[in-house]
Amino acid sequence: MPLYVYEIVTADGSPGEQFEHYQSMAEEPLTKHPVTGQPVRRVLCAPAIGGKWSDGAMARSVADDKKLDRL
């Protein structure tokens, strides 16, 4: 299930507190905060996709002293 980011809609239109919420892609977006009932809107974010060029993969492949000595 995807993790979505929502933010509370404030009266003056400024960005409010953000929170994350797991929900199915088939579910309708939240309109109210699940705990407080305040109005919310979904925030568009870049997806976190792992793979050959992800940050984690690059950190593992960075040359350390052992790899440099071997090469």
N, C-alpha and C. Protein backbone atom coordinates (compact mmCIF):
# COMPACT_ATOMS: atom_id res chain seq x y z
N MET A 1 0.83 -1.18 0.00
CA MET A 1 0.00 0.00 0.00
C MET A 1 0.88 1.24 0.00
N PRO A 2 0.48 2.22 -0.78
CA PRO A 2 1.26 3.46 -0.84
C PRO A 2 1.14 4.29 0.43
N LEU A 3 2.16 5.06 0.67
CA LEU A 3 2.20 6.01 1.78
C LEU A 3 1.98 7.39 1.19
N TYR A 4 0.90 8.04 1.59
CA TYR A 4 0.57 9.36 1.07
C TYR A 4 0.87 10.42 2.12
N VAL A 5 1.23 11.62 1.64
CA VAL A 5 1.47 12.76 2.53
C VAL A 5 0.28 13.70 2.39
N TYR A 6 -0.25 14.11 3.54
CA TYR A 6 -1.35 15.06 3.59
C TYR A 6 -0.91 16.24 4.44
N GLU A 7 -1.57 17.39 4.21
CA GLU A 7 -1.34 18.55 5.08
C GLU A 7 -2.67 19.13 5.49
N ILE A 8 -2.69 19.68 6.69
CA ILE A 8 -3.89 20.30 7.22
C ILE A 8 -4.12 21.62 6.49
N VAL A 9 -5.35 21.87 6.09
CA VAL A 9 -5.72 23.12 5.42
C VAL A 9 -6.03 24.15 6.50
N THR A 10 -5.27 25.24 6.51
CA THR A 10 -5.50 26.30 7.50
C THR A 10 -6.46 27.34 6.94
N ALA A 11 -7.04 28.12 7.84
CA ALA A 11 -8.03 29.13 7.44
C ALA A 11 -7.44 30.20 6.52
N ASP A 12 -6.16 30.56 6.75
CA ASP A 12 -5.55 31.61 5.93
C ASP A 12 -4.89 31.08 4.66
N GLY A 13 -4.94 29.78 4.43
CA GLY A 13 -4.39 29.19 3.22
C GLY A 13 -2.92 28.84 3.29
N SER A 14 -2.26 29.14 4.41
CA SER A 14 -0.84 28.79 4.55
C SER A 14 -0.71 27.29 4.80
N PRO A 15 0.44 26.71 4.45
CA PRO A 15 0.63 25.27 4.67
C PRO A 15 0.54 24.92 6.15
N GLY A 16 -0.18 23.87 6.44
CA GLY A 16 -0.33 23.42 7.81
C GLY A 16 0.57 22.23 8.09
N GLU A 17 0.34 21.59 9.20
CA GLU A 17 1.12 20.41 9.62
C GLU A 17 0.92 19.29 8.61
N GLN A 18 2.01 18.58 8.30
CA GLN A 18 1.93 17.45 7.36
C GLN A 18 1.97 16.14 8.14
N PHE A 19 1.31 15.12 7.59
CA PHE A 19 1.34 13.79 8.17
C PHE A 19 1.27 12.77 7.05
N GLU A 20 1.68 11.54 7.35
CA GLU A 20 1.68 10.46 6.37
C GLU A 20 0.57 9.48 6.71
N HIS A 21 0.01 8.88 5.66
CA HIS A 21 -1.10 7.96 5.86
C HIS A 21 -1.03 6.85 4.81
N TYR A 22 -1.03 5.58 5.26
CA TYR A 22 -1.07 4.44 4.34
C TYR A 22 -2.52 4.22 3.91
N GLN A 23 -2.72 4.09 2.60
CA GLN A 23 -4.05 3.74 2.12
C GLN A 23 -3.92 3.14 0.73
N SER A 24 -4.92 2.37 0.37
CA SER A 24 -4.95 1.72 -0.94
C SER A 24 -5.11 2.76 -2.03
N MET A 25 -4.58 2.46 -3.22
CA MET A 25 -4.73 3.38 -4.35
C MET A 25 -6.19 3.48 -4.78
N ALA A 26 -6.99 2.47 -4.47
CA ALA A 26 -8.40 2.47 -4.85
C ALA A 26 -9.25 3.35 -3.93
N GLU A 27 -8.74 3.68 -2.75
CA GLU A 27 -9.49 4.50 -1.80
C GLU A 27 -9.49 5.96 -2.24
N GLU A 28 -10.54 6.66 -1.89
CA GLU A 28 -10.63 8.09 -2.15
C GLU A 28 -9.65 8.82 -1.23
N PRO A 29 -9.08 9.95 -1.69
CA PRO A 29 -8.19 10.72 -0.82
C PRO A 29 -8.92 11.21 0.43
N LEU A 30 -8.19 11.35 1.52
CA LEU A 30 -8.78 11.85 2.75
C LEU A 30 -9.22 13.30 2.56
N THR A 31 -10.29 13.67 3.22
CA THR A 31 -10.73 15.06 3.24
C THR A 31 -10.66 15.63 4.64
N LYS A 32 -10.59 14.74 5.66
CA LYS A 32 -10.50 15.16 7.05
C LYS A 32 -9.38 14.38 7.74
N HIS A 33 -8.71 15.02 8.69
CA HIS A 33 -7.67 14.36 9.48
C HIS A 33 -8.31 13.20 10.23
N PRO A 34 -7.68 12.01 10.22
CA PRO A 34 -8.30 10.84 10.85
C PRO A 34 -8.49 10.98 12.36
N VAL A 35 -7.71 11.83 13.02
CA VAL A 35 -7.82 11.96 14.48
C VAL A 35 -8.58 13.23 14.87
N THR A 36 -8.17 14.37 14.30
CA THR A 36 -8.72 15.65 14.73
C THR A 36 -9.94 16.09 13.94
N GLY A 37 -10.14 15.57 12.72
CA GLY A 37 -11.27 15.96 11.90
C GLY A 37 -11.07 17.25 11.13
N GLN A 38 -9.86 17.84 11.20
CA GLN A 38 -9.59 19.07 10.45
C GLN A 38 -9.52 18.77 8.96
N PRO A 39 -9.88 19.74 8.10
CA PRO A 39 -9.79 19.51 6.65
C PRO A 39 -8.34 19.33 6.21
N VAL A 40 -8.11 18.41 5.27
CA VAL A 40 -6.76 18.12 4.78
C VAL A 40 -6.77 18.04 3.26
N ARG A 41 -5.58 18.13 2.68
CA ARG A 41 -5.41 17.92 1.23
C ARG A 41 -4.16 17.08 1.03
N ARG A 42 -4.17 16.32 -0.06
CA ARG A 42 -3.02 15.46 -0.37
C ARG A 42 -1.91 16.31 -0.97
N VAL A 43 -0.67 16.02 -0.57
CA VAL A 43 0.50 16.74 -1.07
C VAL A 43 1.18 15.87 -2.12
N LEU A 44 1.47 16.46 -3.27
CA LEU A 44 2.17 15.72 -4.31
C LEU A 44 3.66 15.66 -3.98
N CYS A 45 4.21 14.46 -3.96
CA CYS A 45 5.62 14.25 -3.63
C CYS A 45 6.24 13.32 -4.68
N ALA A 46 7.54 13.43 -4.82
CA ALA A 46 8.25 12.49 -5.70
C ALA A 46 8.23 11.11 -5.06
N PRO A 47 7.99 10.06 -5.83
CA PRO A 47 7.97 8.72 -5.26
C PRO A 47 9.37 8.26 -4.86
N ALA A 48 9.44 7.46 -3.82
CA ALA A 48 10.70 6.88 -3.38
C ALA A 48 10.85 5.51 -4.04
N ILE A 49 11.63 5.46 -5.10
CA ILE A 49 11.80 4.23 -5.87
C ILE A 49 13.23 3.75 -5.71
N GLY A 50 13.38 2.54 -5.22
CA GLY A 50 14.71 1.96 -5.09
C GLY A 50 15.13 1.31 -6.38
N GLY A 51 16.40 1.08 -6.54
CA GLY A 51 16.88 0.43 -7.74
C GLY A 51 18.37 0.63 -7.87
N LYS A 52 18.85 0.42 -9.08
CA LYS A 52 20.29 0.46 -9.34
C LYS A 52 20.90 1.81 -9.00
N TRP A 53 20.17 2.90 -9.20
CA TRP A 53 20.73 4.24 -8.99
C TRP A 53 20.11 4.94 -7.78
N SER A 54 19.47 4.21 -6.87
CA SER A 54 18.89 4.84 -5.69
C SER A 54 20.01 5.27 -4.73
N ASP A 55 19.68 6.13 -3.78
CA ASP A 55 20.66 6.61 -2.81
C ASP A 55 21.30 5.47 -2.03
N GLY A 56 20.47 4.50 -1.62
CA GLY A 56 21.00 3.36 -0.87
C GLY A 56 21.97 2.52 -1.68
N ALA A 57 21.62 2.27 -2.94
CA ALA A 57 22.50 1.48 -3.80
C ALA A 57 23.80 2.22 -4.07
N MET A 58 23.71 3.53 -4.26
CA MET A 58 24.92 4.30 -4.51
C MET A 58 25.82 4.33 -3.27
N ALA A 59 25.22 4.41 -2.09
CA ALA A 59 26.02 4.42 -0.86
C ALA A 59 26.77 3.10 -0.69
N ARG A 60 26.13 1.99 -1.07
CA ARG A 60 26.78 0.68 -0.95
C ARG A 60 27.89 0.51 -1.97
N SER A 61 27.76 1.17 -3.13
CA SER A 61 28.73 0.95 -4.19
C SER A 61 29.90 1.93 -4.16
N VAL A 62 29.84 2.94 -3.30
CA VAL A 62 30.92 3.92 -3.22
C VAL A 62 32.20 3.21 -2.78
N ALA A 63 33.28 3.57 -3.43
CA ALA A 63 34.57 2.92 -3.14
C ALA A 63 35.02 3.21 -1.72
N ASP A 64 35.34 2.17 -0.98
CA ASP A 64 35.95 2.34 0.33
C ASP A 64 37.43 1.93 0.22
N ASP A 65 38.15 2.00 1.30
CA ASP A 65 39.59 1.71 1.26
C ASP A 65 39.86 0.28 0.80
N LYS A 66 39.07 -0.70 1.22
CA LYS A 66 39.30 -2.09 0.82
C LYS A 66 39.13 -2.25 -0.69
N LYS A 67 38.12 -1.61 -1.24
CA LYS A 67 37.90 -1.71 -2.68
C LYS A 67 39.02 -1.02 -3.43
N LEU A 68 39.48 0.10 -2.93
CA LEU A 68 40.57 0.82 -3.60
C LEU A 68 41.86 0.01 -3.57
N ASP A 69 42.17 -0.62 -2.43
CA ASP A 69 43.37 -1.46 -2.33
C ASP A 69 43.30 -2.63 -3.31
N ARG A 70 42.13 -3.24 -3.40
CA ARG A 70 41.95 -4.38 -4.30
C ARG A 70 42.11 -3.96 -5.75
N LEU A 71 41.62 -2.79 -6.09
CA LEU A 71 41.71 -2.34 -7.48
C LEU A 71 43.11 -1.85 -7.79
